[in-house]
Every structure is written in C-alpha cells, then in structure tokens.
Amino acid sequence: MFSQIVRNSRSVMRPLSRPASIHRRTVMTLENHKYTAHATARGQGRNGEVESDDDSGLKLRLAMPRSLGGKGDGQNPEQLFAMGYAACFLSALQLVAGQKGQAESAKNAIIHSQVHIGKPKDKAGFALEVELKIEGIEDQALLDAAHEACPYSRALKHGAAVKVSKA
C-alpha cells in the first residue's frame, strides 16, 4: 500500500474501484495554527528569488532546471519540496517509531525523496509525482504509519485548504 500511494499519487486521488463521479474528497482543515512559515517570491517565478519572511535570512535564487529549458544555475521549487518532504517524513517516522517503542530502529533512518514534474495524463499543464525511498527501516507497517502521520503525505493524500486572495 505504501509504495502505491507514494509512487502513484493519482491512485489516491481517484481510486480505480470507484468512478470519478462518485469520489468525494474531504480537504483537511486546521483547528489551530501551531507554526506558520512565511515566504515571498519575486522576479520571474522560476527565474526569480524566494525568501523566508522571518529573521532566518533564508533567501534563494531560483532557476529553471536544464531539463525544462533553463540554465539550471539556481534552486527550483521541486528541490525545495523534495527537501521539505524528506525532512518531514523522517520526523514522522521517528515520532511513530517512538510511539511504538521502536525509537532506536528509526534513529539512523535516511529518507530519499524524488519530486517529479511533468505533463499529467489526460490533463493540461504540469503535475507532480513523489517517490520516497527509506533506508534503514525494514518494517513496512512502520513506514505505512509514518506515511499516515506525515503532514506532507496527508496533504497530498487528503488535500489541504488553499486560500488565494489579494494582498
């Protein structure tokens, strides 16, 4: 189940056993905010810059990857998403392992993430697909539990509330 969800997010969005017209998706909403990250992008989007709107000083120059026709001389959103997902999943894995009395087994785990961007089947534009490979853990039930607990996994599986408005 884990590999199916992570490797083929479309199966989560539209299960094969249920027609698309019947599938209803409930978007997760937050009861409260424990932490809020703030960021601002400016310039030419993928060829601009992005910075954290706090006192951390995190600021990156963005560049279109070579494989998408760019120079590849900066970071891109997919790299940032892959890094965030890997770190979040590792935290979820270690949390769940600790709750199950297996903290030692997840202590040295390594998460390898890949975020693919490409044209979706039968739709216009671009879409993402994610692969996670976990090194150092053999217990599939623990990986499944971490996938259920990880906020990034949950956002992809269940949806996240997104509000777009004028500033």
N, C-alpha and C. Protein backbone atom coordinates (compact mmCIF):
# COMPACT_ATOMS: atom_id res chain seq x y z
N MET A 1 0.81 -1.19 0.00
CA MET A 1 0.00 0.00 0.00
C MET A 1 0.86 1.26 0.00
N PHE A 2 1.91 1.30 0.81
CA PHE A 2 2.77 2.46 0.90
C PHE A 2 3.35 2.83 -0.44
N SER A 3 3.93 1.87 -1.14
CA SER A 3 4.56 2.17 -2.41
C SER A 3 3.54 2.63 -3.44
N GLN A 4 2.33 2.12 -3.39
CA GLN A 4 1.30 2.54 -4.33
C GLN A 4 0.93 3.99 -4.08
N ILE A 5 0.78 4.38 -2.85
CA ILE A 5 0.39 5.75 -2.52
C ILE A 5 1.51 6.71 -2.88
N VAL A 6 2.72 6.39 -2.53
CA VAL A 6 3.82 7.31 -2.73
C VAL A 6 4.21 7.38 -4.21
N ARG A 7 4.25 6.27 -4.89
CA ARG A 7 4.72 6.27 -6.26
C ARG A 7 3.65 6.70 -7.27
N ASN A 8 2.40 6.57 -6.91
CA ASN A 8 1.36 6.89 -7.86
C ASN A 8 0.26 7.67 -7.16
N SER A 9 0.49 8.96 -6.99
CA SER A 9 -0.47 9.76 -6.24
C SER A 9 -1.83 9.79 -6.92
N ARG A 10 -1.90 9.52 -8.22
CA ARG A 10 -3.19 9.50 -8.90
C ARG A 10 -4.10 8.42 -8.34
N SER A 11 -3.53 7.30 -7.86
CA SER A 11 -4.37 6.24 -7.31
C SER A 11 -5.04 6.68 -6.02
N VAL A 12 -4.42 7.62 -5.33
CA VAL A 12 -5.03 8.14 -4.12
C VAL A 12 -6.13 9.14 -4.48
N MET A 13 -5.87 9.94 -5.49
CA MET A 13 -6.83 10.96 -5.89
C MET A 13 -8.09 10.34 -6.49
N ARG A 14 -7.94 9.26 -7.24
CA ARG A 14 -9.08 8.65 -7.91
C ARG A 14 -8.89 7.14 -7.89
N PRO A 15 -9.36 6.47 -6.84
CA PRO A 15 -9.21 5.02 -6.75
C PRO A 15 -9.85 4.32 -7.96
N LEU A 16 -9.22 3.27 -8.41
CA LEU A 16 -9.72 2.54 -9.57
C LEU A 16 -11.06 1.87 -9.29
N SER A 17 -11.34 1.54 -8.04
CA SER A 17 -12.56 0.82 -7.70
C SER A 17 -13.79 1.72 -7.64
N ARG A 18 -13.61 3.03 -7.78
CA ARG A 18 -14.73 3.93 -7.64
C ARG A 18 -14.74 4.91 -8.82
N PRO A 19 -15.86 5.07 -9.50
CA PRO A 19 -15.92 6.03 -10.61
C PRO A 19 -15.63 7.44 -10.14
N ALA A 20 -15.02 8.24 -10.98
CA ALA A 20 -14.65 9.61 -10.63
C ALA A 20 -15.85 10.44 -10.21
N SER A 21 -16.99 10.20 -10.80
CA SER A 21 -18.17 11.00 -10.48
C SER A 21 -18.68 10.76 -9.06
N ILE A 22 -18.33 9.64 -8.45
CA ILE A 22 -18.80 9.32 -7.10
C ILE A 22 -17.78 9.73 -6.05
N HIS A 23 -16.51 9.82 -6.44
CA HIS A 23 -15.43 10.10 -5.48
C HIS A 23 -15.58 11.50 -4.89
N ARG A 24 -15.66 11.58 -3.60
CA ARG A 24 -15.71 12.85 -2.90
C ARG A 24 -14.47 12.96 -2.03
N ARG A 25 -13.86 14.11 -2.06
CA ARG A 25 -12.63 14.31 -1.33
C ARG A 25 -12.85 15.37 -0.26
N THR A 26 -12.56 15.03 0.96
CA THR A 26 -12.67 15.98 2.05
C THR A 26 -11.30 16.59 2.29
N VAL A 27 -11.22 17.88 2.17
CA VAL A 27 -9.96 18.58 2.37
C VAL A 27 -9.75 18.78 3.86
N MET A 28 -8.54 18.48 4.32
CA MET A 28 -8.22 18.68 5.72
C MET A 28 -8.11 20.17 6.02
N THR A 29 -8.73 20.60 7.11
CA THR A 29 -8.59 21.97 7.56
C THR A 29 -7.99 21.95 8.96
N LEU A 30 -7.40 23.05 9.35
CA LEU A 30 -6.73 23.11 10.65
C LEU A 30 -7.65 23.68 11.71
N GLU A 31 -7.58 23.09 12.88
CA GLU A 31 -8.31 23.59 14.03
C GLU A 31 -7.60 24.82 14.60
N ASN A 32 -6.28 24.77 14.57
CA ASN A 32 -5.48 25.91 15.02
C ASN A 32 -4.13 25.87 14.31
N HIS A 33 -3.38 26.93 14.43
CA HIS A 33 -2.06 27.03 13.80
C HIS A 33 -0.98 26.92 14.87
N LYS A 34 -0.16 25.88 14.80
CA LYS A 34 0.94 25.70 15.75
C LYS A 34 2.19 26.47 15.32
N TYR A 35 2.36 26.61 14.02
CA TYR A 35 3.50 27.33 13.44
C TYR A 35 3.10 27.76 12.04
N THR A 36 3.57 28.91 11.63
CA THR A 36 3.31 29.39 10.28
C THR A 36 4.61 29.85 9.65
N ALA A 37 4.95 29.29 8.52
CA ALA A 37 6.10 29.73 7.74
C ALA A 37 5.62 30.78 6.75
N HIS A 38 6.42 31.79 6.54
CA HIS A 38 6.08 32.85 5.60
C HIS A 38 7.18 32.95 4.57
N ALA A 39 6.79 33.09 3.31
CA ALA A 39 7.77 33.23 2.25
C ALA A 39 7.23 34.17 1.18
N THR A 40 8.13 34.79 0.45
CA THR A 40 7.78 35.69 -0.63
C THR A 40 8.61 35.33 -1.86
N ALA A 41 7.95 35.25 -3.00
CA ALA A 41 8.63 35.03 -4.28
C ALA A 41 8.50 36.30 -5.10
N ARG A 42 9.57 36.67 -5.79
CA ARG A 42 9.52 37.83 -6.69
C ARG A 42 10.40 37.59 -7.90
N GLY A 43 10.25 38.43 -8.86
CA GLY A 43 11.03 38.28 -10.07
C GLY A 43 10.21 37.56 -11.13
N GLN A 44 10.81 36.59 -11.78
CA GLN A 44 10.14 35.88 -12.86
C GLN A 44 9.78 34.46 -12.44
N GLY A 45 9.21 34.30 -11.26
CA GLY A 45 8.78 32.98 -10.80
C GLY A 45 9.94 32.02 -10.67
N ARG A 46 10.02 31.07 -11.57
CA ARG A 46 11.08 30.07 -11.53
C ARG A 46 12.45 30.65 -11.86
N ASN A 47 12.51 31.87 -12.32
CA ASN A 47 13.79 32.54 -12.57
C ASN A 47 13.85 33.82 -11.76
N GLY A 48 13.37 33.75 -10.54
CA GLY A 48 13.36 34.91 -9.65
C GLY A 48 14.07 34.58 -8.36
N GLU A 49 13.47 35.00 -7.27
CA GLU A 49 14.04 34.69 -5.97
C GLU A 49 12.92 34.43 -4.98
N VAL A 50 13.24 33.70 -3.95
CA VAL A 50 12.29 33.39 -2.90
C VAL A 50 13.03 33.57 -1.57
N GLU A 51 12.31 34.11 -0.59
CA GLU A 51 12.93 34.29 0.71
C GLU A 51 11.91 34.06 1.82
N SER A 52 12.43 33.63 2.94
CA SER A 52 11.60 33.42 4.12
C SER A 52 11.35 34.78 4.76
N ASP A 53 10.11 35.05 5.10
CA ASP A 53 9.75 36.34 5.69
C ASP A 53 9.87 36.32 7.21
N ASP A 54 10.99 35.85 7.69
CA ASP A 54 11.27 35.89 9.13
C ASP A 54 12.72 36.32 9.28
N ASP A 55 13.25 36.21 10.45
CA ASP A 55 14.64 36.67 10.66
C ASP A 55 15.68 35.57 10.44
N SER A 56 15.31 34.50 9.71
CA SER A 56 16.25 33.41 9.47
C SER A 56 17.29 33.76 8.40
N GLY A 57 16.97 34.70 7.53
CA GLY A 57 17.90 35.08 6.47
C GLY A 57 17.91 34.13 5.28
N LEU A 58 16.97 33.18 5.23
CA LEU A 58 16.94 32.23 4.13
C LEU A 58 16.44 32.93 2.87
N LYS A 59 17.29 32.96 1.84
CA LYS A 59 16.96 33.60 0.57
C LYS A 59 17.65 32.80 -0.53
N LEU A 60 16.88 32.42 -1.55
CA LEU A 60 17.44 31.62 -2.64
C LEU A 60 17.12 32.24 -3.99
N ARG A 61 18.08 32.09 -4.89
CA ARG A 61 17.87 32.47 -6.28
C ARG A 61 17.30 31.25 -6.98
N LEU A 62 16.20 31.44 -7.67
CA LEU A 62 15.56 30.33 -8.37
C LEU A 62 15.96 30.32 -9.84
N ALA A 63 16.02 29.13 -10.39
CA ALA A 63 16.33 28.98 -11.81
C ALA A 63 15.60 27.77 -12.36
N MET A 64 15.17 27.90 -13.59
CA MET A 64 14.51 26.79 -14.28
C MET A 64 15.54 25.68 -14.48
N PRO A 65 15.18 24.42 -14.19
CA PRO A 65 16.11 23.31 -14.42
C PRO A 65 16.46 23.19 -15.91
N ARG A 66 17.63 22.68 -16.18
CA ARG A 66 18.06 22.48 -17.58
C ARG A 66 17.07 21.60 -18.34
N SER A 67 16.56 20.57 -17.66
CA SER A 67 15.63 19.64 -18.33
C SER A 67 14.32 20.30 -18.75
N LEU A 68 14.04 21.49 -18.19
CA LEU A 68 12.85 22.24 -18.57
C LEU A 68 13.21 23.45 -19.43
N GLY A 69 14.44 23.48 -19.93
CA GLY A 69 14.85 24.55 -20.83
C GLY A 69 15.57 25.71 -20.17
N GLY A 70 15.85 25.61 -18.89
CA GLY A 70 16.53 26.70 -18.20
C GLY A 70 18.03 26.48 -18.12
N LYS A 71 18.69 27.40 -17.43
CA LYS A 71 20.15 27.31 -17.24
C LYS A 71 20.52 26.37 -16.09
N GLY A 72 19.61 26.16 -15.16
CA GLY A 72 19.90 25.27 -14.03
C GLY A 72 20.90 25.85 -13.06
N ASP A 73 21.02 27.17 -13.03
CA ASP A 73 22.03 27.81 -12.18
C ASP A 73 21.47 28.35 -10.87
N GLY A 74 20.45 27.69 -10.36
CA GLY A 74 19.86 28.05 -9.08
C GLY A 74 18.98 26.91 -8.60
N GLN A 75 18.29 27.14 -7.51
CA GLN A 75 17.38 26.13 -6.98
C GLN A 75 16.04 26.23 -7.69
N ASN A 76 15.20 25.20 -7.49
CA ASN A 76 13.86 25.23 -8.07
C ASN A 76 12.86 24.72 -7.04
N PRO A 77 11.59 25.03 -7.21
CA PRO A 77 10.57 24.65 -6.23
C PRO A 77 10.50 23.15 -5.96
N GLU A 78 10.75 22.33 -6.97
CA GLU A 78 10.68 20.88 -6.75
C GLU A 78 11.79 20.41 -5.81
N GLN A 79 12.97 21.01 -5.90
CA GLN A 79 14.05 20.67 -4.96
C GLN A 79 13.64 21.03 -3.54
N LEU A 80 13.05 22.20 -3.38
CA LEU A 80 12.65 22.65 -2.05
C LEU A 80 11.56 21.76 -1.48
N PHE A 81 10.61 21.37 -2.33
CA PHE A 81 9.55 20.47 -1.89
C PHE A 81 10.11 19.11 -1.51
N ALA A 82 11.03 18.58 -2.32
CA ALA A 82 11.64 17.28 -2.04
C ALA A 82 12.40 17.32 -0.71
N MET A 83 13.11 18.39 -0.46
CA MET A 83 13.86 18.52 0.80
C MET A 83 12.91 18.60 2.00
N GLY A 84 11.88 19.42 1.87
CA GLY A 84 10.91 19.55 2.96
C GLY A 84 10.18 18.25 3.24
N TYR A 85 9.80 17.54 2.17
CA TYR A 85 9.07 16.28 2.33
C TYR A 85 9.97 15.25 3.01
N ALA A 86 11.22 15.15 2.58
CA ALA A 86 12.15 14.18 3.19
C ALA A 86 12.31 14.44 4.67
N ALA A 87 12.51 15.70 5.03
CA ALA A 87 12.71 16.05 6.45
C ALA A 87 11.45 15.80 7.27
N CYS A 88 10.30 16.16 6.71
CA CYS A 88 9.04 15.96 7.42
C CYS A 88 8.74 14.48 7.60
N PHE A 89 8.98 13.68 6.56
CA PHE A 89 8.71 12.25 6.66
C PHE A 89 9.63 11.60 7.67
N LEU A 90 10.90 12.02 7.72
CA LEU A 90 11.83 11.48 8.71
C LEU A 90 11.35 11.78 10.13
N SER A 91 10.89 13.00 10.34
CA SER A 91 10.34 13.36 11.66
C SER A 91 9.13 12.50 12.00
N ALA A 92 8.24 12.31 11.05
CA ALA A 92 7.05 11.48 11.28
C ALA A 92 7.44 10.05 11.58
N LEU A 93 8.41 9.54 10.84
CA LEU A 93 8.89 8.17 11.05
C LEU A 93 9.46 8.02 12.46
N GLN A 94 10.28 8.95 12.88
CA GLN A 94 10.88 8.87 14.21
C GLN A 94 9.84 9.05 15.31
N LEU A 95 8.85 9.89 15.08
CA LEU A 95 7.77 10.07 16.05
C LEU A 95 6.97 8.79 16.21
N VAL A 96 6.55 8.21 15.10
CA VAL A 96 5.74 6.98 15.12
C VAL A 96 6.55 5.83 15.72
N ALA A 97 7.82 5.72 15.35
CA ALA A 97 8.67 4.66 15.90
C ALA A 97 8.78 4.80 17.41
N GLY A 98 8.92 6.03 17.89
CA GLY A 98 8.98 6.26 19.34
C GLY A 98 7.69 5.87 20.03
N GLN A 99 6.56 6.18 19.42
CA GLN A 99 5.26 5.82 20.00
C GLN A 99 5.06 4.32 20.06
N LYS A 100 5.69 3.60 19.13
CA LYS A 100 5.56 2.14 19.08
C LYS A 100 6.68 1.44 19.84
N GLY A 101 7.49 2.20 20.57
CA GLY A 101 8.60 1.62 21.32
C GLY A 101 9.74 1.14 20.44
N GLN A 102 9.86 1.70 19.23
CA GLN A 102 10.90 1.31 18.27
C GLN A 102 11.80 2.48 17.90
N ALA A 103 11.96 3.43 18.81
CA ALA A 103 12.72 4.65 18.52
C ALA A 103 14.12 4.34 18.00
N GLU A 104 14.75 3.36 18.56
CA GLU A 104 16.12 3.02 18.15
C GLU A 104 16.18 2.59 16.69
N SER A 105 15.13 1.93 16.20
CA SER A 105 15.14 1.43 14.82
C SER A 105 15.10 2.56 13.80
N ALA A 106 14.53 3.72 14.16
CA ALA A 106 14.41 4.83 13.22
C ALA A 106 15.48 5.90 13.43
N LYS A 107 16.31 5.70 14.42
CA LYS A 107 17.33 6.70 14.78
C LYS A 107 18.24 7.05 13.60
N ASN A 108 18.64 6.06 12.83
CA ASN A 108 19.58 6.27 11.73
C ASN A 108 18.94 6.12 10.35
N ALA A 109 17.62 6.21 10.29
CA ALA A 109 16.93 6.10 9.00
C ALA A 109 17.30 7.27 8.10
N ILE A 110 17.26 7.02 6.81
CA ILE A 110 17.55 8.06 5.81
C ILE A 110 16.40 8.05 4.81
N ILE A 111 15.90 9.24 4.51
CA ILE A 111 14.80 9.38 3.56
C ILE A 111 15.35 9.98 2.27
N HIS A 112 15.12 9.28 1.18
CA HIS A 112 15.48 9.78 -0.15
C HIS A 112 14.17 10.15 -0.84
N SER A 113 14.04 11.40 -1.26
CA SER A 113 12.80 11.81 -1.91
C SER A 113 13.08 12.29 -3.33
N GLN A 114 12.13 12.01 -4.18
CA GLN A 114 12.18 12.50 -5.56
C GLN A 114 10.84 13.15 -5.84
N VAL A 115 10.88 14.35 -6.36
CA VAL A 115 9.67 15.04 -6.78
C VAL A 115 9.80 15.23 -8.28
N HIS A 116 8.92 14.57 -9.01
CA HIS A 116 8.92 14.62 -10.46
C HIS A 116 7.90 15.66 -10.91
N ILE A 117 8.24 16.42 -11.93
CA ILE A 117 7.28 17.32 -12.55
C ILE A 117 7.15 16.93 -14.02
N GLY A 118 5.95 16.93 -14.50
CA GLY A 118 5.73 16.56 -15.89
C GLY A 118 4.29 16.78 -16.29
N LYS A 119 3.99 16.43 -17.50
CA LYS A 119 2.63 16.57 -18.01
C LYS A 119 1.79 15.40 -17.49
N PRO A 120 0.66 15.70 -16.89
CA PRO A 120 -0.22 14.62 -16.44
C PRO A 120 -0.94 13.97 -17.61
N LYS A 121 -1.32 12.73 -17.43
CA LYS A 121 -2.11 12.04 -18.44
C LYS A 121 -3.49 12.69 -18.52
N ASP A 122 -3.93 12.97 -19.72
CA ASP A 122 -5.29 13.46 -19.97
C ASP A 122 -5.63 14.80 -19.32
N LYS A 123 -4.64 15.61 -19.00
CA LYS A 123 -4.89 16.95 -18.45
C LYS A 123 -3.86 17.90 -19.02
N ALA A 124 -4.18 19.18 -19.01
CA ALA A 124 -3.25 20.19 -19.48
C ALA A 124 -2.31 20.60 -18.35
N GLY A 125 -1.25 21.27 -18.69
CA GLY A 125 -0.34 21.82 -17.70
C GLY A 125 0.64 20.82 -17.15
N PHE A 126 1.05 21.04 -15.91
CA PHE A 126 2.04 20.20 -15.24
C PHE A 126 1.44 19.61 -13.97
N ALA A 127 2.05 18.54 -13.50
CA ALA A 127 1.65 17.90 -12.24
C ALA A 127 2.89 17.34 -11.57
N LEU A 128 2.75 17.01 -10.31
CA LEU A 128 3.84 16.43 -9.53
C LEU A 128 3.57 14.98 -9.21
N GLU A 129 4.63 14.24 -9.07
CA GLU A 129 4.57 12.86 -8.58
C GLU A 129 5.74 12.71 -7.61
N VAL A 130 5.53 11.99 -6.53
CA VAL A 130 6.54 11.88 -5.48
C VAL A 130 6.92 10.42 -5.26
N GLU A 131 8.20 10.18 -5.05
CA GLU A 131 8.70 8.86 -4.64
C GLU A 131 9.53 9.06 -3.37
N LEU A 132 9.27 8.24 -2.38
CA LEU A 132 10.07 8.21 -1.15
C LEU A 132 10.70 6.84 -1.03
N LYS A 133 11.99 6.81 -0.77
CA LYS A 133 12.69 5.55 -0.51
C LYS A 133 13.35 5.69 0.85
N ILE A 134 13.04 4.74 1.72
CA ILE A 134 13.50 4.81 3.09
C ILE A 134 14.60 3.80 3.30
N GLU A 135 15.73 4.29 3.75
CA GLU A 135 16.90 3.45 4.01
C GLU A 135 17.00 3.20 5.52
N GLY A 136 17.22 1.97 5.89
CA GLY A 136 17.45 1.63 7.28
C GLY A 136 16.23 1.14 8.04
N ILE A 137 15.09 1.02 7.37
CA ILE A 137 13.86 0.52 8.00
C ILE A 137 13.34 -0.64 7.17
N GLU A 138 13.10 -1.77 7.81
CA GLU A 138 12.56 -2.94 7.12
C GLU A 138 11.09 -3.17 7.40
N ASP A 139 10.56 -2.55 8.45
CA ASP A 139 9.19 -2.77 8.90
C ASP A 139 8.22 -1.93 8.06
N GLN A 140 7.52 -2.57 7.13
CA GLN A 140 6.59 -1.86 6.25
C GLN A 140 5.45 -1.22 7.04
N ALA A 141 5.00 -1.85 8.11
CA ALA A 141 3.92 -1.28 8.92
C ALA A 141 4.36 0.05 9.54
N LEU A 142 5.61 0.16 9.91
CA LEU A 142 6.14 1.40 10.47
C LEU A 142 6.18 2.49 9.38
N LEU A 143 6.56 2.11 8.17
CA LEU A 143 6.57 3.07 7.06
C LEU A 143 5.16 3.54 6.74
N ASP A 144 4.21 2.63 6.74
CA ASP A 144 2.81 2.98 6.48
C ASP A 144 2.29 3.93 7.56
N ALA A 145 2.64 3.67 8.81
CA ALA A 145 2.21 4.52 9.92
C ALA A 145 2.84 5.92 9.79
N ALA A 146 4.08 5.99 9.39
CA ALA A 146 4.74 7.28 9.19
C ALA A 146 4.09 8.04 8.04
N HIS A 147 3.74 7.33 6.99
CA HIS A 147 3.07 7.94 5.84
C HIS A 147 1.71 8.52 6.26
N GLU A 148 1.01 7.83 7.13
CA GLU A 148 -0.27 8.32 7.64
C GLU A 148 -0.10 9.52 8.56
N ALA A 149 1.04 9.62 9.25
CA ALA A 149 1.26 10.69 10.22
C ALA A 149 1.90 11.93 9.61
N CYS A 150 2.65 11.78 8.53
CA CYS A 150 3.41 12.88 7.93
C CYS A 150 2.47 13.94 7.34
N PRO A 151 2.59 15.21 7.77
CA PRO A 151 1.74 16.26 7.23
C PRO A 151 1.84 16.43 5.71
N TYR A 152 3.02 16.24 5.14
CA TYR A 152 3.17 16.34 3.68
C TYR A 152 2.39 15.20 3.00
N SER A 153 2.54 13.99 3.52
CA SER A 153 1.80 12.86 2.95
C SER A 153 0.31 13.07 3.08
N ARG A 154 -0.10 13.57 4.23
CA ARG A 154 -1.52 13.79 4.47
C ARG A 154 -2.08 14.87 3.54
N ALA A 155 -1.31 15.92 3.30
CA ALA A 155 -1.76 16.97 2.39
C ALA A 155 -1.93 16.44 0.98
N LEU A 156 -1.02 15.58 0.55
CA LEU A 156 -1.13 15.02 -0.80
C LEU A 156 -2.26 14.01 -0.89
N LYS A 157 -2.45 13.23 0.16
CA LYS A 157 -3.48 12.20 0.14
C LYS A 157 -4.88 12.76 0.36
N HIS A 158 -5.02 13.67 1.31
CA HIS A 158 -6.33 14.16 1.70
C HIS A 158 -6.63 15.58 1.20
N GLY A 159 -5.63 16.26 0.73
CA GLY A 159 -5.81 17.64 0.31
C GLY A 159 -5.54 18.59 1.45
N ALA A 160 -5.25 19.81 1.10
CA ALA A 160 -5.01 20.87 2.08
C ALA A 160 -5.80 22.09 1.66
N ALA A 161 -6.31 22.80 2.62
CA ALA A 161 -7.05 24.03 2.30
C ALA A 161 -6.07 25.05 1.75
N VAL A 162 -6.38 25.61 0.60
CA VAL A 162 -5.55 26.64 -0.03
C VAL A 162 -6.45 27.83 -0.29
N LYS A 163 -6.06 28.97 0.28
CA LYS A 163 -6.84 30.19 0.10
C LYS A 163 -6.01 31.16 -0.71
N VAL A 164 -6.53 31.64 -1.82
CA VAL A 164 -5.84 32.58 -2.68
C VAL A 164 -6.63 33.88 -2.66
N SER A 165 -5.96 34.98 -2.30
CA SER A 165 -6.63 36.28 -2.23
C SER A 165 -5.66 37.40 -2.56
N LYS A 166 -6.18 38.58 -2.75
CA LYS A 166 -5.33 39.75 -2.99
C LYS A 166 -4.71 40.20 -1.68
N ALA A 167 -3.48 40.68 -1.74
CA ALA A 167 -2.78 41.18 -0.53
C ALA A 167 -3.26 42.55 -0.16
